[in-house]
Amino acid sequence: MDATSTLRDATAADAAALSALVTPLARHLLDADTGASAHAFLATLTADSFAQRVASPQFAHYVVEDDGRLCGMFAMRDGSHIHHLFVSRTTRHQGIARHLWEHALRIHGRREYTVNSSEVAVPVYEKFGFVAKAAPQTVKGVRFVLMERPRLLRPVIQKQYLNALLPSQDGKP
């Protein structure tokens, strides 16, 4: 992400731009044999659907803009499930996804997170510390890999915890 990019909370005014960014990118989530069952998923990608989610307290949305153009978005549901993470094709490999993820971590804290990742995004989530919890599956026409990121302990707490569990070098508890 470069100096001209801005990360901010999404607003209802972003709904059309969010839909325009996500809809073409989300097509790779659809199972090739999906047929009509994908219509329900695609209906969640309209500007009206985005406006409803942005206004909902159940969701948090963050966007990255570059020169006034939306180039990345992140949506968290219930503070622990990644609902969407998309970066435009023209701005990939610039750290935007990581920047959005690290921003969400600062806001939502150290806890367990889940995501239904597309198969092509699995390596990205693995870099964020997620692990696959199941084989790829298709539900309602959408193909995904269920992934989870365990709650991370702060290093000091982790060290104190390990010191309590492990005997010291000199044999003292």
N, C-alpha and C. Protein backbone atom coordinates (compact mmCIF):
# COMPACT_ATOMS: atom_id res chain seq x y z
N MET A 1 0.85 -1.17 0.00
CA MET A 1 0.00 0.00 0.00
C MET A 1 0.90 1.23 0.00
N ASP A 2 0.59 2.19 -0.85
CA ASP A 2 1.45 3.35 -0.95
C ASP A 2 0.89 4.55 -0.19
N ALA A 3 1.64 5.63 -0.20
CA ALA A 3 1.30 6.82 0.59
C ALA A 3 0.03 7.51 0.12
N THR A 4 -0.39 7.28 -1.12
CA THR A 4 -1.60 7.92 -1.61
C THR A 4 -2.86 7.15 -1.25
N SER A 5 -2.71 5.97 -0.67
CA SER A 5 -3.86 5.14 -0.29
C SER A 5 -4.37 5.53 1.08
N THR A 6 -5.68 5.37 1.27
CA THR A 6 -6.33 5.69 2.53
C THR A 6 -7.17 4.50 2.98
N LEU A 7 -7.01 4.10 4.23
CA LEU A 7 -7.85 3.07 4.82
C LEU A 7 -8.84 3.77 5.74
N ARG A 8 -10.12 3.43 5.60
CA ARG A 8 -11.16 4.07 6.40
C ARG A 8 -12.34 3.14 6.56
N ASP A 9 -13.25 3.50 7.48
CA ASP A 9 -14.51 2.77 7.62
C ASP A 9 -15.35 3.02 6.38
N ALA A 10 -16.05 2.00 5.93
CA ALA A 10 -16.97 2.16 4.81
C ALA A 10 -18.23 2.86 5.29
N THR A 11 -18.89 3.53 4.38
CA THR A 11 -20.16 4.19 4.67
C THR A 11 -21.20 3.70 3.65
N ALA A 12 -22.45 4.03 3.89
CA ALA A 12 -23.51 3.66 2.96
C ALA A 12 -23.25 4.26 1.58
N ALA A 13 -22.57 5.39 1.53
CA ALA A 13 -22.26 6.02 0.24
C ALA A 13 -21.31 5.16 -0.59
N ASP A 14 -20.63 4.20 0.03
CA ASP A 14 -19.70 3.30 -0.67
C ASP A 14 -20.40 2.09 -1.27
N ALA A 15 -21.68 1.90 -1.02
CA ALA A 15 -22.37 0.65 -1.38
C ALA A 15 -22.23 0.31 -2.86
N ALA A 16 -22.45 1.26 -3.74
CA ALA A 16 -22.36 0.97 -5.18
C ALA A 16 -20.92 0.60 -5.57
N ALA A 17 -19.95 1.31 -5.02
CA ALA A 17 -18.54 1.00 -5.32
C ALA A 17 -18.14 -0.36 -4.75
N LEU A 18 -18.65 -0.71 -3.57
CA LEU A 18 -18.37 -2.03 -2.99
C LEU A 18 -18.93 -3.12 -3.90
N SER A 19 -20.15 -2.95 -4.34
CA SER A 19 -20.76 -3.93 -5.24
C SER A 19 -19.97 -4.05 -6.53
N ALA A 20 -19.56 -2.91 -7.10
CA ALA A 20 -18.80 -2.92 -8.35
C ALA A 20 -17.43 -3.59 -8.18
N LEU A 21 -16.82 -3.45 -7.02
CA LEU A 21 -15.53 -4.09 -6.75
C LEU A 21 -15.70 -5.59 -6.56
N VAL A 22 -16.65 -5.99 -5.73
CA VAL A 22 -16.75 -7.38 -5.29
C VAL A 22 -17.41 -8.30 -6.32
N THR A 23 -18.46 -7.85 -6.97
CA THR A 23 -19.24 -8.75 -7.84
C THR A 23 -18.39 -9.47 -8.89
N PRO A 24 -17.57 -8.77 -9.68
CA PRO A 24 -16.79 -9.52 -10.67
C PRO A 24 -15.74 -10.43 -10.04
N LEU A 25 -15.22 -10.04 -8.89
CA LEU A 25 -14.19 -10.86 -8.23
C LEU A 25 -14.78 -12.09 -7.55
N ALA A 26 -16.03 -12.00 -7.14
CA ALA A 26 -16.65 -13.09 -6.39
C ALA A 26 -17.10 -14.25 -7.28
N ARG A 27 -17.09 -14.06 -8.55
CA ARG A 27 -17.55 -15.12 -9.46
C ARG A 27 -16.73 -16.40 -9.30
N HIS A 28 -15.45 -16.29 -8.90
CA HIS A 28 -14.62 -17.50 -8.74
C HIS A 28 -15.07 -18.33 -7.53
N LEU A 29 -15.94 -17.78 -6.69
CA LEU A 29 -16.45 -18.54 -5.56
C LEU A 29 -17.53 -19.54 -5.97
N LEU A 30 -18.12 -19.32 -7.12
CA LEU A 30 -19.24 -20.14 -7.54
C LEU A 30 -18.76 -21.47 -8.09
N ASP A 31 -19.43 -22.53 -7.68
CA ASP A 31 -19.13 -23.86 -8.18
C ASP A 31 -19.56 -23.92 -9.64
N ALA A 32 -18.79 -24.57 -10.48
CA ALA A 32 -19.09 -24.64 -11.91
C ALA A 32 -20.46 -25.27 -12.18
N ASP A 33 -20.89 -26.17 -11.32
CA ASP A 33 -22.17 -26.86 -11.51
C ASP A 33 -23.30 -26.19 -10.73
N THR A 34 -23.12 -24.96 -10.34
CA THR A 34 -24.02 -24.32 -9.39
C THR A 34 -25.40 -24.00 -9.93
N GLY A 35 -25.49 -23.51 -11.15
CA GLY A 35 -26.79 -23.18 -11.72
C GLY A 35 -27.54 -22.13 -10.92
N ALA A 36 -28.81 -22.37 -10.70
CA ALA A 36 -29.70 -21.38 -10.07
C ALA A 36 -29.38 -21.15 -8.60
N SER A 37 -28.73 -22.08 -7.94
CA SER A 37 -28.49 -21.93 -6.50
C SER A 37 -27.56 -20.77 -6.17
N ALA A 38 -26.82 -20.28 -7.14
CA ALA A 38 -25.91 -19.16 -6.90
C ALA A 38 -26.62 -17.82 -6.86
N HIS A 39 -27.84 -17.75 -7.34
CA HIS A 39 -28.56 -16.47 -7.39
C HIS A 39 -28.72 -15.85 -6.01
N ALA A 40 -28.93 -16.65 -4.99
CA ALA A 40 -29.06 -16.11 -3.63
C ALA A 40 -27.76 -15.44 -3.20
N PHE A 41 -26.64 -16.07 -3.50
CA PHE A 41 -25.35 -15.47 -3.16
C PHE A 41 -25.13 -14.18 -3.94
N LEU A 42 -25.37 -14.22 -5.24
CA LEU A 42 -25.16 -13.03 -6.06
C LEU A 42 -26.06 -11.88 -5.62
N ALA A 43 -27.23 -12.18 -5.10
CA ALA A 43 -28.14 -11.14 -4.61
C ALA A 43 -27.56 -10.41 -3.40
N THR A 44 -26.62 -11.05 -2.68
CA THR A 44 -26.01 -10.39 -1.52
C THR A 44 -24.92 -9.41 -1.94
N LEU A 45 -24.63 -9.33 -3.23
CA LEU A 45 -23.57 -8.47 -3.72
C LEU A 45 -24.09 -7.19 -4.38
N THR A 46 -25.38 -6.94 -4.29
CA THR A 46 -25.95 -5.72 -4.86
C THR A 46 -25.60 -4.52 -3.98
N ALA A 47 -25.72 -3.34 -4.54
CA ALA A 47 -25.48 -2.12 -3.77
C ALA A 47 -26.42 -2.03 -2.58
N ASP A 48 -27.67 -2.41 -2.76
CA ASP A 48 -28.64 -2.36 -1.65
C ASP A 48 -28.23 -3.30 -0.52
N SER A 49 -27.76 -4.49 -0.88
CA SER A 49 -27.31 -5.44 0.15
C SER A 49 -26.10 -4.91 0.89
N PHE A 50 -25.16 -4.31 0.17
CA PHE A 50 -24.00 -3.72 0.83
C PHE A 50 -24.43 -2.58 1.75
N ALA A 51 -25.34 -1.75 1.30
CA ALA A 51 -25.81 -0.63 2.13
C ALA A 51 -26.44 -1.15 3.42
N GLN A 52 -27.21 -2.23 3.34
CA GLN A 52 -27.81 -2.81 4.55
C GLN A 52 -26.75 -3.34 5.50
N ARG A 53 -25.74 -4.03 4.98
CA ARG A 53 -24.70 -4.57 5.85
C ARG A 53 -23.84 -3.46 6.47
N VAL A 54 -23.51 -2.46 5.68
CA VAL A 54 -22.71 -1.35 6.21
C VAL A 54 -23.44 -0.67 7.37
N ALA A 55 -24.76 -0.58 7.27
CA ALA A 55 -25.57 0.07 8.32
C ALA A 55 -25.82 -0.85 9.51
N SER A 56 -25.58 -2.13 9.37
CA SER A 56 -25.88 -3.10 10.42
C SER A 56 -24.79 -3.12 11.50
N PRO A 57 -25.19 -3.12 12.79
CA PRO A 57 -24.19 -3.24 13.85
C PRO A 57 -23.53 -4.62 13.89
N GLN A 58 -24.08 -5.58 13.18
CA GLN A 58 -23.52 -6.92 13.12
C GLN A 58 -22.24 -6.97 12.27
N PHE A 59 -22.05 -5.96 11.41
CA PHE A 59 -20.94 -5.94 10.47
C PHE A 59 -20.04 -4.74 10.69
N ALA A 60 -18.76 -4.92 10.37
CA ALA A 60 -17.81 -3.81 10.29
C ALA A 60 -17.18 -3.88 8.91
N HIS A 61 -17.15 -2.76 8.22
CA HIS A 61 -16.60 -2.69 6.87
C HIS A 61 -15.48 -1.67 6.82
N TYR A 62 -14.37 -2.05 6.19
CA TYR A 62 -13.24 -1.15 6.00
C TYR A 62 -12.88 -1.15 4.53
N VAL A 63 -12.47 -0.01 4.02
CA VAL A 63 -12.11 0.09 2.61
C VAL A 63 -10.76 0.78 2.46
N VAL A 64 -10.10 0.48 1.35
CA VAL A 64 -8.88 1.18 0.97
C VAL A 64 -9.18 1.89 -0.34
N GLU A 65 -8.87 3.18 -0.36
CA GLU A 65 -9.03 3.99 -1.56
C GLU A 65 -7.65 4.42 -2.04
N ASP A 66 -7.52 4.52 -3.34
CA ASP A 66 -6.31 5.06 -3.94
C ASP A 66 -6.76 6.06 -4.99
N ASP A 67 -6.38 7.31 -4.81
CA ASP A 67 -6.81 8.39 -5.71
C ASP A 67 -8.33 8.41 -5.86
N GLY A 68 -9.05 8.23 -4.75
CA GLY A 68 -10.50 8.30 -4.75
C GLY A 68 -11.20 7.08 -5.32
N ARG A 69 -10.45 6.05 -5.66
CA ARG A 69 -11.02 4.82 -6.23
C ARG A 69 -10.89 3.69 -5.22
N LEU A 70 -11.98 2.99 -4.99
CA LEU A 70 -11.97 1.86 -4.07
C LEU A 70 -11.13 0.73 -4.67
N CYS A 71 -10.13 0.25 -3.91
CA CYS A 71 -9.29 -0.82 -4.45
C CYS A 71 -9.22 -2.03 -3.52
N GLY A 72 -9.82 -1.95 -2.33
CA GLY A 72 -9.86 -3.08 -1.43
C GLY A 72 -10.95 -2.90 -0.40
N MET A 73 -11.49 -4.02 0.08
CA MET A 73 -12.51 -3.95 1.11
C MET A 73 -12.43 -5.17 2.01
N PHE A 74 -12.87 -4.96 3.25
CA PHE A 74 -12.87 -6.01 4.28
C PHE A 74 -14.17 -5.88 5.05
N ALA A 75 -14.85 -6.98 5.28
CA ALA A 75 -16.07 -6.98 6.08
C ALA A 75 -15.97 -8.07 7.14
N MET A 76 -16.24 -7.69 8.38
CA MET A 76 -16.22 -8.62 9.52
C MET A 76 -17.64 -8.75 10.06
N ARG A 77 -18.07 -9.97 10.28
CA ARG A 77 -19.39 -10.22 10.87
C ARG A 77 -19.22 -10.70 12.31
N ASP A 78 -20.00 -10.12 13.19
CA ASP A 78 -20.00 -10.51 14.61
C ASP A 78 -18.63 -10.43 15.26
N GLY A 79 -17.76 -9.59 14.74
CA GLY A 79 -16.45 -9.36 15.34
C GLY A 79 -15.46 -10.50 15.23
N SER A 80 -15.81 -11.60 14.51
CA SER A 80 -14.87 -12.71 14.45
C SER A 80 -14.92 -13.52 13.15
N HIS A 81 -15.85 -13.23 12.26
CA HIS A 81 -15.92 -13.99 11.01
C HIS A 81 -15.67 -13.03 9.84
N ILE A 82 -14.66 -13.35 9.04
CA ILE A 82 -14.40 -12.54 7.86
C ILE A 82 -15.47 -12.85 6.83
N HIS A 83 -16.30 -11.86 6.57
CA HIS A 83 -17.40 -12.02 5.62
C HIS A 83 -16.90 -11.80 4.20
N HIS A 84 -16.09 -10.76 3.99
CA HIS A 84 -15.51 -10.47 2.68
C HIS A 84 -14.11 -9.88 2.85
N LEU A 85 -13.23 -10.24 1.94
CA LEU A 85 -11.94 -9.59 1.79
C LEU A 85 -11.61 -9.64 0.31
N PHE A 86 -11.67 -8.48 -0.34
CA PHE A 86 -11.43 -8.41 -1.77
C PHE A 86 -10.49 -7.25 -2.08
N VAL A 87 -9.59 -7.48 -3.03
CA VAL A 87 -8.69 -6.45 -3.52
C VAL A 87 -8.80 -6.47 -5.04
N SER A 88 -8.90 -5.29 -5.64
CA SER A 88 -9.05 -5.21 -7.10
C SER A 88 -7.87 -5.89 -7.79
N ARG A 89 -8.12 -6.42 -8.95
CA ARG A 89 -7.07 -7.13 -9.69
C ARG A 89 -5.87 -6.23 -9.97
N THR A 90 -6.12 -4.96 -10.23
CA THR A 90 -5.03 -4.06 -10.61
C THR A 90 -4.17 -3.61 -9.44
N THR A 91 -4.62 -3.85 -8.22
CA THR A 91 -3.83 -3.41 -7.05
C THR A 91 -3.41 -4.57 -6.16
N ARG A 92 -3.46 -5.77 -6.66
CA ARG A 92 -3.02 -6.93 -5.87
C ARG A 92 -1.50 -6.92 -5.71
N HIS A 93 -1.03 -7.65 -4.70
CA HIS A 93 0.40 -7.80 -4.40
C HIS A 93 1.05 -6.48 -3.98
N GLN A 94 0.25 -5.61 -3.36
CA GLN A 94 0.76 -4.35 -2.86
C GLN A 94 0.55 -4.23 -1.34
N GLY A 95 0.12 -5.32 -0.70
CA GLY A 95 -0.06 -5.31 0.75
C GLY A 95 -1.40 -4.80 1.22
N ILE A 96 -2.34 -4.61 0.31
CA ILE A 96 -3.65 -4.06 0.71
C ILE A 96 -4.42 -5.05 1.57
N ALA A 97 -4.46 -6.31 1.20
CA ALA A 97 -5.18 -7.31 2.00
C ALA A 97 -4.58 -7.38 3.41
N ARG A 98 -3.27 -7.42 3.49
CA ARG A 98 -2.61 -7.48 4.81
C ARG A 98 -2.91 -6.22 5.62
N HIS A 99 -2.90 -5.07 4.98
CA HIS A 99 -3.18 -3.82 5.68
C HIS A 99 -4.61 -3.83 6.23
N LEU A 100 -5.56 -4.30 5.44
CA LEU A 100 -6.95 -4.40 5.91
C LEU A 100 -7.06 -5.39 7.07
N TRP A 101 -6.39 -6.54 6.95
CA TRP A 101 -6.43 -7.56 7.99
C TRP A 101 -5.82 -7.03 9.29
N GLU A 102 -4.67 -6.40 9.21
CA GLU A 102 -4.02 -5.88 10.42
C GLU A 102 -4.86 -4.76 11.06
N HIS A 103 -5.53 -3.97 10.24
CA HIS A 103 -6.44 -2.95 10.78
C HIS A 103 -7.58 -3.62 11.55
N ALA A 104 -8.15 -4.66 10.96
CA ALA A 104 -9.25 -5.38 11.63
C ALA A 104 -8.76 -5.99 12.95
N LEU A 105 -7.56 -6.53 12.96
CA LEU A 105 -7.01 -7.09 14.20
C LEU A 105 -6.87 -6.03 15.29
N ARG A 106 -6.43 -4.84 14.90
CA ARG A 106 -6.31 -3.75 15.89
C ARG A 106 -7.68 -3.37 16.45
N ILE A 107 -8.68 -3.38 15.60
CA ILE A 107 -10.03 -2.99 16.02
C ILE A 107 -10.70 -4.10 16.83
N HIS A 108 -10.62 -5.33 16.37
CA HIS A 108 -11.40 -6.43 16.96
C HIS A 108 -10.62 -7.27 17.97
N GLY A 109 -9.32 -7.09 18.03
CA GLY A 109 -8.53 -7.75 19.07
C GLY A 109 -8.08 -9.15 18.75
N ARG A 110 -7.39 -9.71 19.72
CA ARG A 110 -6.82 -11.05 19.60
C ARG A 110 -7.88 -12.06 20.03
N ARG A 111 -8.44 -12.73 19.06
CA ARG A 111 -9.47 -13.73 19.31
C ARG A 111 -9.42 -14.74 18.19
N GLU A 112 -10.26 -15.72 18.28
CA GLU A 112 -10.36 -16.70 17.20
C GLU A 112 -11.15 -16.09 16.06
N TYR A 113 -10.68 -16.31 14.84
CA TYR A 113 -11.36 -15.80 13.65
C TYR A 113 -11.65 -16.97 12.71
N THR A 114 -12.72 -16.82 11.93
CA THR A 114 -13.07 -17.82 10.93
C THR A 114 -13.30 -17.13 9.59
N VAL A 115 -13.20 -17.91 8.53
CA VAL A 115 -13.48 -17.43 7.19
C VAL A 115 -13.87 -18.62 6.32
N ASN A 116 -14.77 -18.40 5.41
CA ASN A 116 -15.07 -19.36 4.36
C ASN A 116 -14.32 -18.86 3.14
N SER A 117 -13.10 -19.34 2.96
CA SER A 117 -12.19 -18.82 1.94
C SER A 117 -12.44 -19.47 0.58
N SER A 118 -12.29 -18.69 -0.46
CA SER A 118 -12.25 -19.29 -1.79
C SER A 118 -10.97 -20.13 -1.86
N GLU A 119 -10.96 -21.09 -2.74
CA GLU A 119 -9.77 -21.94 -2.84
C GLU A 119 -8.55 -21.13 -3.28
N VAL A 120 -8.73 -20.13 -4.12
CA VAL A 120 -7.59 -19.34 -4.57
C VAL A 120 -7.04 -18.42 -3.48
N ALA A 121 -7.86 -18.09 -2.48
CA ALA A 121 -7.42 -17.20 -1.40
C ALA A 121 -6.81 -17.94 -0.21
N VAL A 122 -6.86 -19.26 -0.21
CA VAL A 122 -6.32 -20.03 0.92
C VAL A 122 -4.88 -19.62 1.26
N PRO A 123 -3.96 -19.49 0.28
CA PRO A 123 -2.59 -19.09 0.63
C PRO A 123 -2.51 -17.73 1.33
N VAL A 124 -3.38 -16.81 0.96
CA VAL A 124 -3.40 -15.50 1.61
C VAL A 124 -3.78 -15.66 3.08
N TYR A 125 -4.84 -16.39 3.34
CA TYR A 125 -5.27 -16.59 4.73
C TYR A 125 -4.25 -17.39 5.53
N GLU A 126 -3.57 -18.34 4.88
CA GLU A 126 -2.52 -19.07 5.59
C GLU A 126 -1.42 -18.13 6.05
N LYS A 127 -1.09 -17.13 5.23
CA LYS A 127 -0.09 -16.13 5.63
C LYS A 127 -0.57 -15.32 6.84
N PHE A 128 -1.89 -15.21 7.01
CA PHE A 128 -2.46 -14.49 8.15
C PHE A 128 -2.61 -15.40 9.37
N GLY A 129 -2.18 -16.66 9.27
CA GLY A 129 -2.23 -17.57 10.40
C GLY A 129 -3.44 -18.49 10.43
N PHE A 130 -4.23 -18.51 9.37
CA PHE A 130 -5.41 -19.38 9.31
C PHE A 130 -4.99 -20.78 8.88
N VAL A 131 -5.75 -21.78 9.32
CA VAL A 131 -5.56 -23.16 8.89
C VAL A 131 -6.91 -23.71 8.42
N ALA A 132 -6.84 -24.56 7.41
CA ALA A 132 -8.06 -25.19 6.89
C ALA A 132 -8.61 -26.15 7.93
N LYS A 133 -9.91 -26.10 8.15
CA LYS A 133 -10.56 -26.99 9.11
C LYS A 133 -11.36 -28.09 8.42
N ALA A 134 -11.50 -27.99 7.11
CA ALA A 134 -12.27 -28.99 6.36
C ALA A 134 -11.84 -28.94 4.90
N ALA A 135 -12.18 -29.98 4.18
CA ALA A 135 -11.91 -30.01 2.74
C ALA A 135 -12.82 -29.00 2.04
N PRO A 136 -12.46 -28.60 0.82
CA PRO A 136 -13.35 -27.68 0.09
C PRO A 136 -14.75 -28.26 0.00
N GLN A 137 -15.72 -27.38 0.11
CA GLN A 137 -17.13 -27.81 0.07
C GLN A 137 -17.95 -26.79 -0.70
N THR A 138 -19.12 -27.20 -1.12
CA THR A 138 -20.04 -26.31 -1.83
C THR A 138 -21.35 -26.29 -1.07
N VAL A 139 -21.79 -25.08 -0.73
CA VAL A 139 -23.06 -24.88 -0.05
C VAL A 139 -23.82 -23.79 -0.80
N LYS A 140 -25.01 -24.10 -1.21
CA LYS A 140 -25.87 -23.15 -1.95
C LYS A 140 -25.13 -22.54 -3.15
N GLY A 141 -24.36 -23.38 -3.83
CA GLY A 141 -23.68 -22.95 -5.05
C GLY A 141 -22.36 -22.24 -4.85
N VAL A 142 -21.95 -22.03 -3.60
CA VAL A 142 -20.70 -21.33 -3.32
C VAL A 142 -19.66 -22.33 -2.83
N ARG A 143 -18.51 -22.35 -3.48
CA ARG A 143 -17.43 -23.27 -3.12
C ARG A 143 -16.45 -22.54 -2.21
N PHE A 144 -16.08 -23.18 -1.09
CA PHE A 144 -15.19 -22.53 -0.12
C PHE A 144 -14.46 -23.56 0.73
N VAL A 145 -13.45 -23.06 1.44
CA VAL A 145 -12.69 -23.84 2.42
C VAL A 145 -12.91 -23.17 3.77
N LEU A 146 -13.44 -23.90 4.73
CA LEU A 146 -13.62 -23.37 6.08
C LEU A 146 -12.25 -23.28 6.73
N MET A 147 -11.90 -22.07 7.19
CA MET A 147 -10.59 -21.85 7.82
C MET A 147 -10.79 -21.17 9.17
N GLU A 148 -9.81 -21.37 10.02
CA GLU A 148 -9.88 -20.81 11.37
C GLU A 148 -8.50 -20.28 11.76
N ARG A 149 -8.50 -19.21 12.49
CA ARG A 149 -7.26 -18.67 13.06
C ARG A 149 -7.43 -18.66 14.56
N PRO A 150 -6.60 -19.42 15.26
CA PRO A 150 -6.76 -19.49 16.72
C PRO A 150 -6.46 -18.16 17.39
N ARG A 151 -6.99 -18.00 18.55
CA ARG A 151 -6.73 -16.79 19.34
C ARG A 151 -5.25 -16.77 19.68
N LEU A 152 -4.63 -15.63 19.46
CA LEU A 152 -3.22 -15.49 19.76
C LEU A 152 -3.04 -14.82 21.11
N LEU A 153 -2.16 -15.37 21.89
CA LEU A 153 -1.84 -14.78 23.18
C LEU A 153 -0.74 -13.77 22.99
N ARG A 154 -0.76 -12.74 23.77
CA ARG A 154 0.33 -11.76 23.72
C ARG A 154 1.61 -12.49 24.14
N PRO A 155 2.76 -12.16 23.56
CA PRO A 155 4.01 -12.86 23.86
C PRO A 155 4.33 -12.92 25.35
N VAL A 156 4.09 -11.84 26.10
CA VAL A 156 4.40 -11.84 27.53
C VAL A 156 3.51 -12.84 28.26
N ILE A 157 2.22 -12.82 27.94
CA ILE A 157 1.29 -13.76 28.58
C ILE A 157 1.68 -15.18 28.20
N GLN A 158 2.00 -15.38 26.93
CA GLN A 158 2.39 -16.70 26.47
C GLN A 158 3.64 -17.18 27.21
N LYS A 159 4.62 -16.31 27.41
CA LYS A 159 5.84 -16.69 28.12
C LYS A 159 5.52 -17.04 29.56
N GLN A 160 4.70 -16.22 30.22
CA GLN A 160 4.32 -16.52 31.60
C GLN A 160 3.59 -17.85 31.68
N TYR A 161 2.71 -18.11 30.73
CA TYR A 161 1.96 -19.36 30.70
C TYR A 161 2.91 -20.54 30.53
N LEU A 162 3.85 -20.42 29.60
CA LEU A 162 4.79 -21.51 29.38
C LEU A 162 5.71 -21.71 30.58
N ASN A 163 6.13 -20.62 31.21
CA ASN A 163 6.98 -20.73 32.40
C ASN A 163 6.25 -21.46 33.52
N ALA A 164 4.94 -21.25 33.63
CA ALA A 164 4.16 -21.93 34.67
C ALA A 164 4.03 -23.42 34.37
N LEU A 165 4.02 -23.77 33.10
CA LEU A 165 3.85 -25.17 32.71
C LEU A 165 5.15 -25.96 32.69
N LEU A 166 6.21 -25.30 32.27
CA LEU A 166 7.47 -26.02 32.09
C LEU A 166 8.39 -25.84 33.31
N PRO A 167 9.09 -26.89 33.70
CA PRO A 167 10.02 -26.73 34.82
C PRO A 167 11.19 -25.84 34.40
N SER A 168 11.71 -25.11 35.35
CA SER A 168 12.85 -24.24 35.05
C SER A 168 14.10 -25.08 34.85
N GLN A 169 15.12 -24.46 34.30
CA GLN A 169 16.38 -25.14 34.02
C GLN A 169 17.06 -25.63 35.29
N ASP A 170 16.88 -24.87 36.39
CA ASP A 170 17.55 -25.24 37.63
C ASP A 170 16.71 -26.19 38.51
N GLY A 171 15.58 -26.66 37.96
CA GLY A 171 14.75 -27.61 38.69
C GLY A 171 13.75 -26.98 39.63
N LYS A 172 13.77 -25.65 39.81
CA LYS A 172 12.80 -24.97 40.68
C LYS A 172 11.52 -24.73 39.89
N PRO A 173 10.37 -24.77 40.57
CA PRO A 173 9.10 -24.54 39.86
C PRO A 173 8.95 -23.11 39.39
